[in-house]
Amino acid sequence: MLSTTRSFQTKKGLVEGAKLDWGVFSLLILTAPKGFLGCGIFDLDAVERFGFACGIVESTPDNPIGTLERMIGRKVVRINQKARSLGVTEGMGALEAIERMF
């Protein structure tokens, strides 16, 4: 397993990203103080029960996220209620969404 980390400076603060590679599949996450954006592997309801905001970023087998740099430029396709309460909406860009999680 190979892992990669990267930081992104946003208007609201520093976002930490991590990517774990398992051959043809990768797990990607961008974190902020009140929540995170992730690939489709995350369970929105489970994250909600822990009190954190979570959004799922667009990705398909034909068009995977691939890298943390690409993830920050994608759209959010699903969110939990906690993310909604912070102003995150479906269709929002990942950068704007993660900034609302500060």
C-alpha atoms as a PDB file:
ATOM      1  CA  MET A   1       0.000   0.000   0.000  1.00  0.00           C
ATOM      2  CA  LEU A   2       1.278   3.453  -0.926  1.00  0.00           C
ATOM      3  CA  SER A   3       0.160   6.639   0.790  1.00  0.00           C
ATOM      4  CA  THR A   4       0.478  10.279  -0.232  1.00  0.00           C
ATOM      5  CA  THR A   5      -0.278  13.403   1.779  1.00  0.00           C
ATOM      6  CA  ARG A   6      -0.576  16.991   0.640  1.00  0.00           C
ATOM      7  CA  SER A   7      -1.628  20.313   2.139  1.00  0.00           C
ATOM      8  CA  PHE A   8      -3.693  22.974   0.359  1.00  0.00           C
ATOM      9  CA  GLN A   9      -3.831  26.569   1.547  1.00  0.00           C
ATOM     10  CA  THR A  10      -7.354  27.994   1.279  1.00  0.00           C
ATOM     11  CA  LYS A  11      -8.846  31.366   2.219  1.00  0.00           C
ATOM     12  CA  LYS A  12     -10.058  29.813   5.489  1.00  0.00           C
ATOM     13  CA  GLY A  13      -6.952  27.832   6.426  1.00  0.00           C
ATOM     14  CA  LEU A  14      -4.885  24.779   5.702  1.00  0.00           C
ATOM     15  CA  VAL A  15      -6.591  21.663   4.297  1.00  0.00           C
ATOM     16  CA  GLU A  16      -4.833  18.330   4.706  1.00  0.00           C
ATOM     17  CA  GLY A  17      -5.281  15.647   2.080  1.00  0.00           C
ATOM     18  CA  ALA A  18      -4.417  11.958   2.096  1.00  0.00           C
ATOM     19  CA  LYS A  19      -4.494   9.269  -0.572  1.00  0.00           C
ATOM     20  CA  LEU A  20      -4.127   5.543   0.083  1.00  0.00           C
ATOM     21  CA  ASP A  21      -3.514   3.360  -2.970  1.00  0.00           C
ATOM     22  CA  TRP A  22      -4.598  -0.291  -3.164  1.00  0.00           C
ATOM     23  CA  GLY A  23      -3.609  -1.290  -6.676  1.00  0.00           C
ATOM     24  CA  VAL A  24      -6.418  -0.147  -8.975  1.00  0.00           C
ATOM     25  CA  PHE A  25      -8.405   1.498  -6.149  1.00  0.00           C
ATOM     26  CA  SER A  26      -7.570   4.588  -4.081  1.00  0.00           C
ATOM     27  CA  LEU A  27      -9.116   6.152  -0.989  1.00  0.00           C
ATOM     28  CA  LEU A  28      -8.926   9.968  -0.989  1.00  0.00           C
ATOM     29  CA  ILE A  29      -9.829  12.460   1.735  1.00  0.00           C
ATOM     30  CA  LEU A  30      -9.514  16.231   2.279  1.00  0.00           C
ATOM     31  CA  THR A  31      -9.871  17.315   5.905  1.00  0.00           C
ATOM     32  CA  ALA A  32     -10.916  20.521   7.657  1.00  0.00           C
ATOM     33  CA  PRO A  33     -11.684  21.200  11.341  1.00  0.00           C
ATOM     34  CA  LYS A  34     -15.438  20.439  11.142  1.00  0.00           C
ATOM     35  CA  GLY A  35     -15.468  17.698   8.527  1.00  0.00           C
ATOM     36  CA  PHE A  36     -14.067  16.261   5.350  1.00  0.00           C
ATOM     37  CA  LEU A  37     -14.607  15.500   1.701  1.00  0.00           C
ATOM     38  CA  GLY A  38     -13.978  11.986   0.516  1.00  0.00           C
ATOM     39  CA  CYS A  39     -14.359   9.547  -2.312  1.00  0.00           C
ATOM     40  CA  GLY A  40     -17.458   7.365  -2.527  1.00  0.00           C
ATOM     41  CA  ILE A  41     -16.176   4.765  -0.044  1.00  0.00           C
ATOM     42  CA  PHE A  42     -17.277   6.839   2.971  1.00  0.00           C
ATOM     43  CA  ASP A  43     -20.598   6.244   4.750  1.00  0.00           C
ATOM     44  CA  LEU A  44     -22.304   9.622   5.186  1.00  0.00           C
ATOM     45  CA  ASP A  45     -24.652   8.364   7.917  1.00  0.00           C
ATOM     46  CA  ALA A  46     -21.832   6.902   9.990  1.00  0.00           C
ATOM     47  CA  VAL A  47     -19.854  10.144   9.793  1.00  0.00           C
ATOM     48  CA  GLU A  48     -22.987  12.092  10.780  1.00  0.00           C
ATOM     49  CA  ARG A  49     -23.367   9.971  13.935  1.00  0.00           C
ATOM     50  CA  PHE A  50     -19.894  11.119  14.995  1.00  0.00           C
ATOM     51  CA  GLY A  51     -20.944  14.747  14.510  1.00  0.00           C
ATOM     52  CA  PHE A  52     -18.786  15.590  11.500  1.00  0.00           C
ATOM     53  CA  ALA A  53     -19.684  17.095   8.167  1.00  0.00           C
ATOM     54  CA  CYS A  54     -18.958  14.937   5.133  1.00  0.00           C
ATOM     55  CA  GLY A  55     -19.291  15.358   1.409  1.00  0.00           C
ATOM     56  CA  ILE A  56     -18.647  12.851  -1.358  1.00  0.00           C
ATOM     57  CA  VAL A  57     -16.715  14.117  -4.373  1.00  0.00           C
ATOM     58  CA  GLU A  58     -17.629  13.015  -7.904  1.00  0.00           C
ATOM     59  CA  SER A  59     -15.781   9.956  -9.156  1.00  0.00           C
ATOM     60  CA  THR A  60     -16.594   7.000 -11.389  1.00  0.00           C
ATOM     61  CA  PRO A  61     -14.592   4.002 -12.602  1.00  0.00           C
ATOM     62  CA  ASP A  62     -14.366   5.725 -16.006  1.00  0.00           C
ATOM     63  CA  ASN A  63     -13.350   9.070 -14.490  1.00  0.00           C
ATOM     64  CA  PRO A  64     -11.723   8.431 -11.088  1.00  0.00           C
ATOM     65  CA  ILE A  65     -10.515  11.263  -8.904  1.00  0.00           C
ATOM     66  CA  GLY A  66      -6.988   9.888  -9.170  1.00  0.00           C
ATOM     67  CA  THR A  67      -5.024  12.565  -7.289  1.00  0.00           C
ATOM     68  CA  LEU A  68      -5.504  15.024  -4.450  1.00  0.00           C
ATOM     69  CA  GLU A  69      -4.831  17.861  -6.894  1.00  0.00           C
ATOM     70  CA  ARG A  70      -7.720  16.704  -9.092  1.00  0.00           C
ATOM     71  CA  MET A  71      -9.970  16.171  -6.070  1.00  0.00           C
ATOM     72  CA  ILE A  72      -9.854  19.823  -5.023  1.00  0.00           C
ATOM     73  CA  GLY A  73     -11.216  20.756  -8.480  1.00  0.00           C
ATOM     74  CA  ARG A  74     -14.138  18.293  -8.511  1.00  0.00           C
ATOM     75  CA  LYS A  75     -17.794  18.784  -7.545  1.00  0.00           C
ATOM     76  CA  VAL A  76     -19.521  17.497  -4.416  1.00  0.00           C
ATOM     77  CA  VAL A  77     -22.270  15.010  -5.335  1.00  0.00           C
ATOM     78  CA  ARG A  78     -23.631  13.938  -1.900  1.00  0.00           C
ATOM     79  CA  ILE A  79     -23.539  15.436   1.583  1.00  0.00           C
ATOM     80  CA  ASN A  80     -24.746  14.624   5.067  1.00  0.00           C
ATOM     81  CA  GLN A  81     -26.988  16.878   7.183  1.00  0.00           C
ATOM     82  CA  LYS A  82     -24.063  18.295   9.179  1.00  0.00           C
ATOM     83  CA  ALA A  83     -22.395  19.465   5.941  1.00  0.00           C
ATOM     84  CA  ARG A  84     -25.708  20.986   4.824  1.00  0.00           C
ATOM     85  CA  SER A  85     -25.915  22.908   8.129  1.00  0.00           C
ATOM     86  CA  LEU A  86     -22.510  24.459   7.335  1.00  0.00           C
ATOM     87  CA  GLY A  87     -23.750  25.673   3.940  1.00  0.00           C
ATOM     88  CA  VAL A  88     -22.369  22.894   1.744  1.00  0.00           C
ATOM     89  CA  THR A  89     -24.632  21.906  -1.156  1.00  0.00           C
ATOM     90  CA  GLU A  90     -24.597  19.215  -3.809  1.00  0.00           C
ATOM     91  CA  GLY A  91     -22.991  20.519  -6.999  1.00  0.00           C
ATOM     92  CA  MET A  92     -20.672  22.871  -5.109  1.00  0.00           C
ATOM     93  CA  GLY A  93     -16.986  22.807  -5.979  1.00  0.00           C
ATOM     94  CA  ALA A  94     -14.797  20.858  -3.552  1.00  0.00           C
ATOM     95  CA  LEU A  95     -12.683  23.895  -2.673  1.00  0.00           C
ATOM     96  CA  GLU A  96     -15.699  25.996  -1.695  1.00  0.00           C
ATOM     97  CA  ALA A  97     -17.227  23.063   0.195  1.00  0.00           C
ATOM     98  CA  ILE A  98     -14.109  22.316   2.249  1.00  0.00           C
ATOM     99  CA  GLU A  99     -13.742  26.004   3.141  1.00  0.00           C
ATOM    100  CA  ARG A 100     -17.234  25.896   4.680  1.00  0.00           C
ATOM    101  CA  MET A 101     -16.031  23.139   7.028  1.00  0.00           C
ATOM    102  CA  PHE A 102     -13.812  25.532   9.017  1.00  0.00           C
END
